[in-house]
């Protein structure tokens, strides 16, 4: 069953989303993970806490995501990100990521 991954990331002081090296690393994450999952990654900053960043993406199923988590590429990314941020929360939701609207109008 398709699942949607929701992750809350917390930047470690003094790192922020605005750091060019951080953005370069997130681009690498986005490229590698989307190549594995077939889904884009969406990142959202918290309006209440600038140290929080939300990652949302999709997977064919939980085993496919677990395979990515254990992969050499993901482990390499974790080594890159470990000094910069931590995972505050993580969950899978039984919801097809491809059915989530990409553009929200006001």
PDB file of N, CA and C in Angstrom:
ATOM      1  N   UNK A   1       0.846  -1.186   0.000  1.00  0.00           N
ATOM      2  CA  UNK A   1       0.000   0.000   0.000  1.00  0.00           C
ATOM      3  C   UNK A   1       0.888   1.243   0.000  1.00  0.00           C
ATOM      4  N   UNK A   2       0.597   2.227  -0.853  1.00  0.00           N
ATOM      5  CA  UNK A   2       1.382   3.468  -0.853  1.00  0.00           C
ATOM      6  C   UNK A   2       1.301   4.174   0.502  1.00  0.00           C
ATOM      7  N   UNK A   3       2.424   4.746   0.895  1.00  0.00           N
ATOM      8  CA  UNK A   3       2.475   5.490   2.155  1.00  0.00           C
ATOM      9  C   UNK A   3       3.108   6.851   1.921  1.00  0.00           C
ATOM     10  N   UNK A   4       2.776   7.766   2.813  1.00  0.00           N
ATOM     11  CA  UNK A   4       3.387   9.091   2.824  1.00  0.00           C
ATOM     12  C   UNK A   4       4.235   9.195   4.076  1.00  0.00           C
ATOM     13  N   UNK A   5       5.443   9.657   3.881  1.00  0.00           N
ATOM     14  CA  UNK A   5       6.414   9.837   4.965  1.00  0.00           C
ATOM     15  C   UNK A   5       6.323  11.277   5.458  1.00  0.00           C
ATOM     16  N   UNK A   6       6.180  11.439   6.764  1.00  0.00           N
ATOM     17  CA  UNK A   6       6.215  12.756   7.398  1.00  0.00           C
ATOM     18  C   UNK A   6       7.374  12.765   8.384  1.00  0.00           C
ATOM     19  N   UNK A   7       8.295  13.715   8.210  1.00  0.00           N
ATOM     20  CA  UNK A   7       9.449  13.816   9.100  1.00  0.00           C
ATOM     21  C   UNK A   7       9.568  15.257   9.583  1.00  0.00           C
ATOM     22  N   UNK A   8       9.777  15.420  10.876  1.00  0.00           N
ATOM     23  CA  UNK A   8      10.103  16.730  11.434  1.00  0.00           C
ATOM     24  C   UNK A   8      11.592  16.729  11.728  1.00  0.00           C
ATOM     25  N   UNK A   9      12.307  17.642  11.090  1.00  0.00           N
ATOM     26  CA  UNK A   9      13.749  17.789  11.282  1.00  0.00           C
ATOM     27  C   UNK A   9      14.000  19.029  12.127  1.00  0.00           C
ATOM     28  N   UNK A  10      14.992  18.942  12.997  1.00  0.00           N
ATOM     29  CA  UNK A  10      15.336  20.083  13.853  1.00  0.00           C
ATOM     30  C   UNK A  10      16.797  20.443  13.618  1.00  0.00           C
ATOM     31  N   UNK A  11      17.020  21.688  13.193  1.00  0.00           N
ATOM     32  CA  UNK A  11      18.382  22.158  12.975  1.00  0.00           C
ATOM     33  C   UNK A  11      19.108  22.331  14.301  1.00  0.00           C
ATOM     34  N   UNK A  12      20.369  21.931  14.304  1.00  0.00           N
ATOM     35  CA  UNK A  12      21.228  22.135  15.469  1.00  0.00           C
ATOM     36  C   UNK A  12      21.878  23.509  15.336  1.00  0.00           C
ATOM     37  N   UNK A  13      21.844  24.288  16.402  1.00  0.00           N
ATOM     38  CA  UNK A  13      22.445  25.625  16.400  1.00  0.00           C
ATOM     39  C   UNK A  13      23.920  25.511  16.047  1.00  0.00           C
ATOM     40  N   UNK A  14      24.444  26.316  15.173  1.00  0.00           N
ATOM     41  CA  UNK A  14      23.916  27.532  14.553  1.00  0.00           C
ATOM     42  C   UNK A  14      23.366  27.303  13.142  1.00  0.00           C
ATOM     43  N   UNK A  15      23.122  26.067  12.758  1.00  0.00           N
ATOM     44  CA  UNK A  15      22.711  25.758  11.383  1.00  0.00           C
ATOM     45  C   UNK A  15      21.266  26.174  11.122  1.00  0.00           C
ATOM     46  N   UNK A  16      21.011  26.600   9.892  1.00  0.00           N
ATOM     47  CA  UNK A  16      19.664  26.992   9.467  1.00  0.00           C
ATOM     48  C   UNK A  16      19.465  26.581   8.009  1.00  0.00           C
ATOM     49  N   UNK A  17      18.226  26.660   7.578  1.00  0.00           N
ATOM     50  CA  UNK A  17      17.895  26.378   6.186  1.00  0.00           C
ATOM     51  C   UNK A  17      18.619  27.335   5.243  1.00  0.00           C
ATOM     52  N   UNK A  18      18.917  28.547   5.690  1.00  0.00           N
ATOM     53  CA  UNK A  18      19.520  29.571   4.835  1.00  0.00           C
ATOM     54  C   UNK A  18      20.986  29.319   4.511  1.00  0.00           C
ATOM     55  N   UNK A  19      21.620  28.382   5.178  1.00  0.00           N
ATOM     56  CA  UNK A  19      23.029  28.058   4.942  1.00  0.00           C
ATOM     57  C   UNK A  19      23.160  27.384   3.567  1.00  0.00           C
ATOM     58  N   UNK A  20      23.987  27.936   2.651  1.00  0.00           N
ATOM     59  CA  UNK A  20      24.125  27.347   1.312  1.00  0.00           C
ATOM     60  C   UNK A  20      24.584  25.889   1.334  1.00  0.00           C
ATOM     61  N   UNK A  21      25.449  25.518   2.282  1.00  0.00           N
ATOM     62  CA  UNK A  21      25.884  24.120   2.368  1.00  0.00           C
ATOM     63  C   UNK A  21      24.728  23.210   2.773  1.00  0.00           C
ATOM     64  N   UNK A  22      23.884  23.684   3.669  1.00  0.00           N
ATOM     65  CA  UNK A  22      22.703  22.915   4.078  1.00  0.00           C
ATOM     66  C   UNK A  22      21.788  22.715   2.874  1.00  0.00           C
ATOM     67  N   UNK A  23      21.558  23.760   2.108  1.00  0.00           N
ATOM     68  CA  UNK A  23      20.691  23.647   0.932  1.00  0.00           C
ATOM     69  C   UNK A  23      21.283  22.698  -0.106  1.00  0.00           C
ATOM     70  N   UNK A  24      22.600  22.731  -0.268  1.00  0.00           N
ATOM     71  CA  UNK A  24      23.270  21.812  -1.190  1.00  0.00           C
ATOM     72  C   UNK A  24      23.050  20.367  -0.742  1.00  0.00           C
ATOM     73  N   UNK A  25      23.147  20.117   0.560  1.00  0.00           N
ATOM     74  CA  UNK A  25      22.940  18.766   1.083  1.00  0.00           C
ATOM     75  C   UNK A  25      21.493  18.311   0.915  1.00  0.00           C
ATOM     76  N   UNK A  26      20.543  19.223   1.100  1.00  0.00           N
ATOM     77  CA  UNK A  26      19.142  18.868   0.890  1.00  0.00           C
ATOM     78  C   UNK A  26      18.860  18.594  -0.581  1.00  0.00           C
ATOM     79  N   UNK A  27      19.542  19.277  -1.480  1.00  0.00           N
ATOM     80  CA  UNK A  27      19.377  18.993  -2.905  1.00  0.00           C
ATOM     81  C   UNK A  27      19.867  17.584  -3.214  1.00  0.00           C
ATOM     82  N   UNK A  28      21.002  17.201  -2.613  1.00  0.00           N
ATOM     83  CA  UNK A  28      21.525  15.849  -2.794  1.00  0.00           C
ATOM     84  C   UNK A  28      20.537  14.820  -2.246  1.00  0.00           C
ATOM     85  N   UNK A  29      20.019  15.062  -1.046  1.00  0.00           N
ATOM     86  CA  UNK A  29      19.001  14.182  -0.465  1.00  0.00           C
ATOM     87  C   UNK A  29      17.805  14.057  -1.403  1.00  0.00           C
ATOM     88  N   UNK A  30      17.323  15.178  -1.878  1.00  0.00           N
ATOM     89  CA  UNK A  30      16.154  15.178  -2.754  1.00  0.00           C
ATOM     90  C   UNK A  30      16.415  14.381  -4.030  1.00  0.00           C
ATOM     91  N   UNK A  31      17.569  14.586  -4.634  1.00  0.00           N
ATOM     92  CA  UNK A  31      17.914  13.870  -5.864  1.00  0.00           C
ATOM     93  C   UNK A  31      17.994  12.366  -5.628  1.00  0.00           C
ATOM     94  N   UNK A  32      18.745  11.970  -4.602  1.00  0.00           N
ATOM     95  CA  UNK A  32      18.966  10.545  -4.351  1.00  0.00           C
ATOM     96  C   UNK A  32      17.689   9.839  -3.910  1.00  0.00           C
ATOM     97  N   UNK A  33      16.957  10.447  -2.960  1.00  0.00           N
ATOM     98  CA  UNK A  33      15.765   9.773  -2.446  1.00  0.00           C
ATOM     99  C   UNK A  33      14.674   9.705  -3.506  1.00  0.00           C
ATOM    100  N   UNK A  34      14.463  10.789  -4.241  1.00  0.00           N
ATOM    101  CA  UNK A  34      13.407  10.760  -5.262  1.00  0.00           C
ATOM    102  C   UNK A  34      13.749   9.772  -6.372  1.00  0.00           C
ATOM    103  N   UNK A  35      15.031   9.597  -6.658  1.00  0.00           N
ATOM    104  CA  UNK A  35      15.443   8.599  -7.637  1.00  0.00           C
ATOM    105  C   UNK A  35      15.086   7.193  -7.150  1.00  0.00           C
ATOM    106  N   UNK A  36      15.195   6.967  -5.855  1.00  0.00           N
ATOM    107  CA  UNK A  36      14.880   5.660  -5.272  1.00  0.00           C
ATOM    108  C   UNK A  36      13.375   5.446  -5.139  1.00  0.00           C
ATOM    109  N   UNK A  37      12.661   6.471  -4.709  1.00  0.00           N
ATOM    110  CA  UNK A  37      11.228   6.320  -4.408  1.00  0.00           C
ATOM    111  C   UNK A  37      10.316   6.593  -5.599  1.00  0.00           C
ATOM    112  N   UNK A  38      10.796   7.395  -6.542  1.00  0.00           N
ATOM    113  CA  UNK A  38       9.949   7.814  -7.647  1.00  0.00           C
ATOM    114  C   UNK A  38       9.038   8.979  -7.304  1.00  0.00           C
ATOM    115  N   UNK A  39       9.203   9.540  -6.097  1.00  0.00           N
ATOM    116  CA  UNK A  39       8.375  10.663  -5.640  1.00  0.00           C
ATOM    117  C   UNK A  39       9.259  11.862  -5.313  1.00  0.00           C
ATOM    118  N   UNK A  40       8.726  13.046  -5.548  1.00  0.00           N
ATOM    119  CA  UNK A  40       9.447  14.248  -5.145  1.00  0.00           C
ATOM    120  C   UNK A  40       9.478  14.333  -3.620  1.00  0.00           C
ATOM    121  N   UNK A  41      10.379  15.136  -3.105  1.00  0.00           N
ATOM    122  CA  UNK A  41      10.395  15.471  -1.683  1.00  0.00           C
ATOM    123  C   UNK A  41       9.910  16.902  -1.555  1.00  0.00           C
ATOM    124  N   UNK A  42       9.064  17.153  -0.584  1.00  0.00           N
ATOM    125  CA  UNK A  42       8.580  18.503  -0.309  1.00  0.00           C
ATOM    126  C   UNK A  42       9.095  18.907   1.061  1.00  0.00           C
ATOM    127  N   UNK A  43       9.603  20.133   1.161  1.00  0.00           N
ATOM    128  CA  UNK A  43      10.119  20.661   2.417  1.00  0.00           C
ATOM    129  C   UNK A  43       9.318  21.899   2.793  1.00  0.00           C
ATOM    130  N   UNK A  44       8.956  21.974   4.070  1.00  0.00           N
ATOM    131  CA  UNK A  44       8.192  23.111   4.576  1.00  0.00           C
ATOM    132  C   UNK A  44       8.826  23.588   5.872  1.00  0.00           C
ATOM    133  N   UNK A  45       8.978  24.891   6.008  1.00  0.00           N
ATOM    134  CA  UNK A  45       9.502  25.439   7.262  1.00  0.00           C
ATOM    135  C   UNK A  45       8.348  25.696   8.215  1.00  0.00           C
ATOM    136  N   UNK A  46       8.665  25.668   9.489  1.00  0.00           N
ATOM    137  CA  UNK A  46       7.662  25.916  10.520  1.00  0.00           C
ATOM    138  C   UNK A  46       7.461  27.416  10.681  1.00  0.00           C
ATOM    139  N   UNK A  47       6.214  27.845  10.722  1.00  0.00           N
ATOM    140  CA  UNK A  47       5.912  29.257  10.964  1.00  0.00           C
ATOM    141  C   UNK A  47       6.165  29.626  12.418  1.00  0.00           C
ATOM    142  N   UNK A  48       6.133  28.652  13.304  1.00  0.00           N
ATOM    143  CA  UNK A  48       6.274  28.915  14.736  1.00  0.00           C
ATOM    144  C   UNK A  48       7.699  28.764  15.248  1.00  0.00           C
ATOM    145  N   UNK A  49       8.527  27.965  14.551  1.00  0.00           N
ATOM    146  CA  UNK A  49       9.876  27.668  15.049  1.00  0.00           C
ATOM    147  C   UNK A  49      10.814  27.516  13.859  1.00  0.00           C
ATOM    148  N   UNK A  50      11.699  28.479  13.648  1.00  0.00           N
ATOM    149  CA  UNK A  50      12.580  28.472  12.477  1.00  0.00           C
ATOM    150  C   UNK A  50      13.601  27.337  12.499  1.00  0.00           C
ATOM    151  N   UNK A  51      13.744  26.653  13.626  1.00  0.00           N
ATOM    152  CA  UNK A  51      14.679  25.531  13.679  1.00  0.00           C
ATOM    153  C   UNK A  51      14.041  24.234  13.169  1.00  0.00           C
ATOM    154  N   UNK A  52      12.742  24.258  12.858  1.00  0.00           N
ATOM    155  CA  UNK A  52      12.051  23.058  12.396  1.00  0.00           C
ATOM    156  C   UNK A  52      11.811  23.101  10.896  1.00  0.00           C
ATOM    157  N   UNK A  53      11.989  21.947  10.277  1.00  0.00           N
ATOM    158  CA  UNK A  53      11.737  21.778   8.853  1.00  0.00           C
ATOM    159  C   UNK A  53      10.979  20.467   8.684  1.00  0.00           C
ATOM    160  N   UNK A  54       9.952  20.480   7.849  1.00  0.00           N
ATOM    161  CA  UNK A  54       9.142  19.290   7.621  1.00  0.00           C
ATOM    162  C   UNK A  54       9.448  18.719   6.242  1.00  0.00           C
ATOM    163  N   UNK A  55       9.686  17.410   6.185  1.00  0.00           N
ATOM    164  CA  UNK A  55       9.912  16.691   4.935  1.00  0.00           C
ATOM    165  C   UNK A  55       8.703  15.794   4.720  1.00  0.00           C
ATOM    166  N   UNK A  56       8.132  15.850   3.521  1.00  0.00           N
ATOM    167  CA  UNK A  56       7.003  14.994   3.164  1.00  0.00           C
ATOM    168  C   UNK A  56       7.323  14.365   1.814  1.00  0.00           C
ATOM    169  N   UNK A  57       7.141  13.048   1.734  1.00  0.00           N
ATOM    170  CA  UNK A  57       7.389  12.352   0.477  1.00  0.00           C
ATOM    171  C   UNK A  57       6.603  11.049   0.459  1.00  0.00           C
ATOM    172  N   UNK A  58       6.667  10.359  -0.658  1.00  0.00           N
ATOM    173  CA  UNK A  58       5.908   9.130  -0.811  1.00  0.00           C
ATOM    174  C   UNK A  58       6.781   7.925  -1.088  1.00  0.00           C
ATOM    175  N   UNK A  59       6.195   6.752  -0.804  1.00  0.00           N
ATOM    176  CA  UNK A  59       6.849   5.468  -1.037  1.00  0.00           C
ATOM    177  C   UNK A  59       5.819   4.460  -1.514  1.00  0.00           C
ATOM    178  N   UNK A  60       6.276   3.482  -2.271  1.00  0.00           N
ATOM    179  CA  UNK A  60       5.404   2.403  -2.731  1.00  0.00           C
ATOM    180  C   UNK A  60       4.779   1.684  -1.538  1.00  0.00           C
ATOM    181  N   UNK A  61       5.598   1.476  -0.504  1.00  0.00           N
ATOM    182  CA  UNK A  61       5.147   0.834   0.728  1.00  0.00           C
ATOM    183  C   UNK A  61       6.238   1.017   1.783  1.00  0.00           C
ATOM    184  N   UNK A  62       5.956   0.619   3.003  1.00  0.00           N
ATOM    185  CA  UNK A  62       6.926   0.782   4.097  1.00  0.00           C
ATOM    186  C   UNK A  62       8.204  -0.024   3.841  1.00  0.00           C
ATOM    187  N   UNK A  63       8.137  -1.283   3.365  1.00  0.00           N
ATOM    188  CA  UNK A  63       9.382  -2.005   3.089  1.00  0.00           C
ATOM    189  C   UNK A  63      10.293  -1.287   2.081  1.00  0.00           C
ATOM    190  N   UNK A  64       9.713  -0.633   1.084  1.00  0.00           N
ATOM    191  CA  UNK A  64      10.533   0.123   0.122  1.00  0.00           C
ATOM    192  C   UNK A  64      11.258   1.262   0.823  1.00  0.00           C
ATOM    193  N   UNK A  65      10.583   1.939   1.735  1.00  0.00           N
ATOM    194  CA  UNK A  65      11.233   3.018   2.471  1.00  0.00           C
ATOM    195  C   UNK A  65      12.306   2.468   3.403  1.00  0.00           C
ATOM    196  N   UNK A  66      12.018   1.361   4.068  1.00  0.00           N
ATOM    197  CA  UNK A  66      13.014   0.751   4.955  1.00  0.00           C
ATOM    198  C   UNK A  66      14.264   0.333   4.189  1.00  0.00           C
ATOM    199  N   UNK A  67      14.083  -0.135   2.953  1.00  0.00           N
ATOM    200  CA  UNK A  67      15.237  -0.488   2.115  1.00  0.00           C
ATOM    201  C   UNK A  67      16.087   0.755   1.843  1.00  0.00           C
ATOM    202  N   UNK A  68      15.434   1.886   1.550  1.00  0.00           N
ATOM    203  CA  UNK A  68      16.158   3.144   1.346  1.00  0.00           C
ATOM    204  C   UNK A  68      16.894   3.558   2.616  1.00  0.00           C
ATOM    205  N   UNK A  69      16.230   3.468   3.753  1.00  0.00           N
ATOM    206  CA  UNK A  69      16.842   3.875   5.020  1.00  0.00           C
ATOM    207  C   UNK A  69      18.133   3.102   5.266  1.00  0.00           C
ATOM    208  N   UNK A  70      18.144   1.819   4.938  1.00  0.00           N
ATOM    209  CA  UNK A  70      19.327   0.979   5.162  1.00  0.00           C
ATOM    210  C   UNK A  70      20.385   1.119   4.069  1.00  0.00           C
ATOM    211  N   UNK A  71      20.066   1.802   2.979  1.00  0.00           N
ATOM    212  CA  UNK A  71      20.978   1.878   1.833  1.00  0.00           C
ATOM    213  C   UNK A  71      22.249   2.664   2.142  1.00  0.00           C
ATOM    214  N   UNK A  72      23.300   2.370   1.388  1.00  0.00           N
ATOM    215  CA  UNK A  72      24.571   3.083   1.540  1.00  0.00           C
ATOM    216  C   UNK A  72      24.407   4.579   1.284  1.00  0.00           C
ATOM    217  N   UNK A  73      23.611   4.945   0.291  1.00  0.00           N
ATOM    218  CA  UNK A  73      23.420   6.369  -0.008  1.00  0.00           C
ATOM    219  C   UNK A  73      22.756   7.091   1.159  1.00  0.00           C
ATOM    220  N   UNK A  74      21.717   6.495   1.733  1.00  0.00           N
ATOM    221  CA  UNK A  74      21.047   7.145   2.852  1.00  0.00           C
ATOM    222  C   UNK A  74      21.967   7.218   4.070  1.00  0.00           C
ATOM    223  N   UNK A  75      22.742   6.183   4.306  1.00  0.00           N
ATOM    224  CA  UNK A  75      23.669   6.205   5.436  1.00  0.00           C
ATOM    225  C   UNK A  75      24.740   7.284   5.235  1.00  0.00           C
ATOM    226  N   UNK A  76      25.177   7.471   3.989  1.00  0.00           N
ATOM    227  CA  UNK A  76      26.122   8.551   3.681  1.00  0.00           C
ATOM    228  C   UNK A  76      25.482   9.912   3.962  1.00  0.00           C
ATOM    229  N   UNK A  77      24.225  10.074   3.558  1.00  0.00           N
ATOM    230  CA  UNK A  77      23.521  11.333   3.823  1.00  0.00           C
ATOM    231  C   UNK A  77      23.394  11.585   5.315  1.00  0.00           C
ATOM    232  N   UNK A  78      23.114  10.534   6.083  1.00  0.00           N
ATOM    233  CA  UNK A  78      22.983  10.708   7.532  1.00  0.00           C
ATOM    234  C   UNK A  78      24.299  11.230   8.126  1.00  0.00           C
ATOM    235  N   UNK A  79      25.434  10.731   7.641  1.00  0.00           N
ATOM    236  CA  UNK A  79      26.734  11.224   8.128  1.00  0.00           C
ATOM    237  C   UNK A  79      26.911  12.706   7.797  1.00  0.00           C
ATOM    238  N   UNK A  80      26.440  13.121   6.631  1.00  0.00           N
ATOM    239  CA  UNK A  80      26.526  14.530   6.239  1.00  0.00           C
ATOM    240  C   UNK A  80      25.623  15.392   7.122  1.00  0.00           C
ATOM    241  N   UNK A  81      24.397  14.932   7.357  1.00  0.00           N
ATOM    242  CA  UNK A  81      23.411  15.730   8.082  1.00  0.00           C
ATOM    243  C   UNK A  81      23.553  15.673   9.597  1.00  0.00           C
ATOM    244  N   UNK A  82      24.167  14.642  10.140  1.00  0.00           N
ATOM    245  CA  UNK A  82      24.209  14.464  11.589  1.00  0.00           C
ATOM    246  C   UNK A  82      24.733  15.681  12.355  1.00  0.00           C
ATOM    247  N   UNK A  83      25.781  16.372  11.902  1.00  0.00           N
ATOM    248  CA  UNK A  83      26.222  17.564  12.633  1.00  0.00           C
ATOM    249  C   UNK A  83      25.260  18.751  12.497  1.00  0.00           C
ATOM    250  N   UNK A  84      24.377  18.700  11.520  1.00  0.00           N
ATOM    251  CA  UNK A  84      23.530  19.832  11.164  1.00  0.00           C
ATOM    252  C   UNK A  84      22.127  19.762  11.753  1.00  0.00           C
ATOM    253  N   UNK A  85      21.568  18.555  11.825  1.00  0.00           N
ATOM    254  CA  UNK A  85      20.172  18.428  12.255  1.00  0.00           C
ATOM    255  C   UNK A  85      19.911  17.078  12.890  1.00  0.00           C
ATOM    256  N   UNK A  86      18.755  16.984  13.529  1.00  0.00           N
ATOM    257  CA  UNK A  86      18.299  15.718  14.104  1.00  0.00           C
ATOM    258  C   UNK A  86      16.874  15.456  13.626  1.00  0.00           C
ATOM    259  N   UNK A  87      16.456  14.203  13.737  1.00  0.00           N
ATOM    260  CA  UNK A  87      15.081  13.836  13.410  1.00  0.00           C
ATOM    261  C   UNK A  87      14.269  13.942  14.690  1.00  0.00           C
ATOM    262  N   UNK A  88      13.323  14.874  14.708  1.00  0.00           N
ATOM    263  CA  UNK A  88      12.487  15.080  15.895  1.00  0.00           C
ATOM    264  C   UNK A  88      11.316  14.104  15.913  1.00  0.00           C
ATOM    265  N   UNK A  89      10.656  13.919  14.770  1.00  0.00           N
ATOM    266  CA  UNK A  89       9.556  12.957  14.661  1.00  0.00           C
ATOM    267  C   UNK A  89       9.574  12.335  13.275  1.00  0.00           C
ATOM    268  N   UNK A  90       8.996  11.148  13.197  1.00  0.00           N
ATOM    269  CA  UNK A  90       8.950  10.420  11.934  1.00  0.00           C
ATOM    270  C   UNK A  90       7.746   9.488  11.961  1.00  0.00           C
ATOM    271  N   UNK A  91       6.989   9.460  10.870  1.00  0.00           N
ATOM    272  CA  UNK A  91       5.860   8.535  10.783  1.00  0.00           C
ATOM    273  C   UNK A  91       5.517   8.247   9.328  1.00  0.00           C
ATOM    274  N   UNK A  92       4.870   7.112   9.119  1.00  0.00           N
ATOM    275  CA  UNK A  92       4.264   6.774   7.831  1.00  0.00           C
ATOM    276  C   UNK A  92       2.756   6.889   7.981  1.00  0.00           C
ATOM    277  N   UNK A  93       2.103   7.418   6.968  1.00  0.00           N
ATOM    278  CA  UNK A  93       0.651   7.526   6.944  1.00  0.00           C
ATOM    279  C   UNK A  93       0.149   6.730   5.740  1.00  0.00           C
ATOM    280  N   UNK A  94      -0.881   5.922   5.930  1.00  0.00           N
ATOM    281  CA  UNK A  94      -1.450   5.152   4.825  1.00  0.00           C
ATOM    282  C   UNK A  94      -2.250   6.083   3.918  1.00  0.00           C
ATOM    283  N   UNK A  95      -1.490   6.825   3.120  1.00  0.00           N
ATOM    284  CA  UNK A  95      -2.068   7.800   2.205  1.00  0.00           C
ATOM    285  C   UNK A  95      -1.136   7.892   1.005  1.00  0.00           C
ATOM    286  N   UNK A  96      -1.692   7.820  -0.175  1.00  0.00           N
ATOM    287  CA  UNK A  96      -0.898   7.887  -1.392  1.00  0.00           C
ATOM    288  C   UNK A  96      -0.409   9.319  -1.601  1.00  0.00           C
ATOM    289  N   UNK A  97       0.894   9.504  -1.519  1.00  0.00           N
ATOM    290  CA  UNK A  97       1.517  10.818  -1.667  1.00  0.00           C
ATOM    291  C   UNK A  97       1.128  11.480  -2.983  1.00  0.00           C
ATOM    292  N   UNK A  98       0.966  10.691  -4.028  1.00  0.00           N
ATOM    293  CA  UNK A  98       0.645  11.234  -5.350  1.00  0.00           C
ATOM    294  C   UNK A  98      -0.749  11.867  -5.401  1.00  0.00           C
ATOM    295  N   UNK A  99      -1.580  11.602  -4.405  1.00  0.00           N
ATOM    296  CA  UNK A  99      -2.936  12.159  -4.400  1.00  0.00           C
ATOM    297  C   UNK A  99      -3.032  13.434  -3.567  1.00  0.00           C
ATOM    298  N   UNK A 100      -1.929  13.851  -2.960  1.00  0.00           N
ATOM    299  CA  UNK A 100      -1.914  15.083  -2.174  1.00  0.00           C
ATOM    300  C   UNK A 100      -1.815  16.268  -3.139  1.00  0.00           C
ATOM    301  N   UNK A 101      -2.683  17.255  -3.025  1.00  0.00           N
ATOM    302  CA  UNK A 101      -2.590  18.431  -3.909  1.00  0.00           C
ATOM    303  C   UNK A 101      -1.229  19.120  -3.758  1.00  0.00           C
ATOM    304  N   UNK A 102      -0.641  19.506  -4.868  1.00  0.00           N
ATOM    305  CA  UNK A 102       0.673  20.160  -4.861  1.00  0.00           C
ATOM    306  C   UNK A 102       0.559  21.671  -4.692  1.00  0.00           C
ATOM    307  N   UNK A 103      -0.535  22.253  -5.151  1.00  0.00           N
ATOM    308  CA  UNK A 103      -0.698  23.698  -5.060  1.00  0.00           C
ATOM    309  C   UNK A 103      -1.982  23.989  -4.310  1.00  0.00           C
ATOM    310  N   UNK A 104      -1.848  24.811  -3.306  1.00  0.00           N
ATOM    311  CA  UNK A 104      -3.015  25.181  -2.516  1.00  0.00           C
ATOM    312  C   UNK A 104      -3.338  26.640  -2.776  1.00  0.00           C
ATOM    313  N   UNK A 105      -4.554  26.930  -3.162  1.00  0.00           N
ATOM    314  CA  UNK A 105      -4.977  28.305  -3.395  1.00  0.00           C
ATOM    315  C   UNK A 105      -5.633  28.875  -2.160  1.00  0.00           C
ATOM    316  N   UNK A 106      -5.552  30.189  -2.016  1.00  0.00           N
ATOM    317  CA  UNK A 106      -6.186  30.854  -0.875  1.00  0.00           C
ATOM    318  C   UNK A 106      -7.383  31.631  -1.364  1.00  0.00           C
TER     319      UNK A 106
END
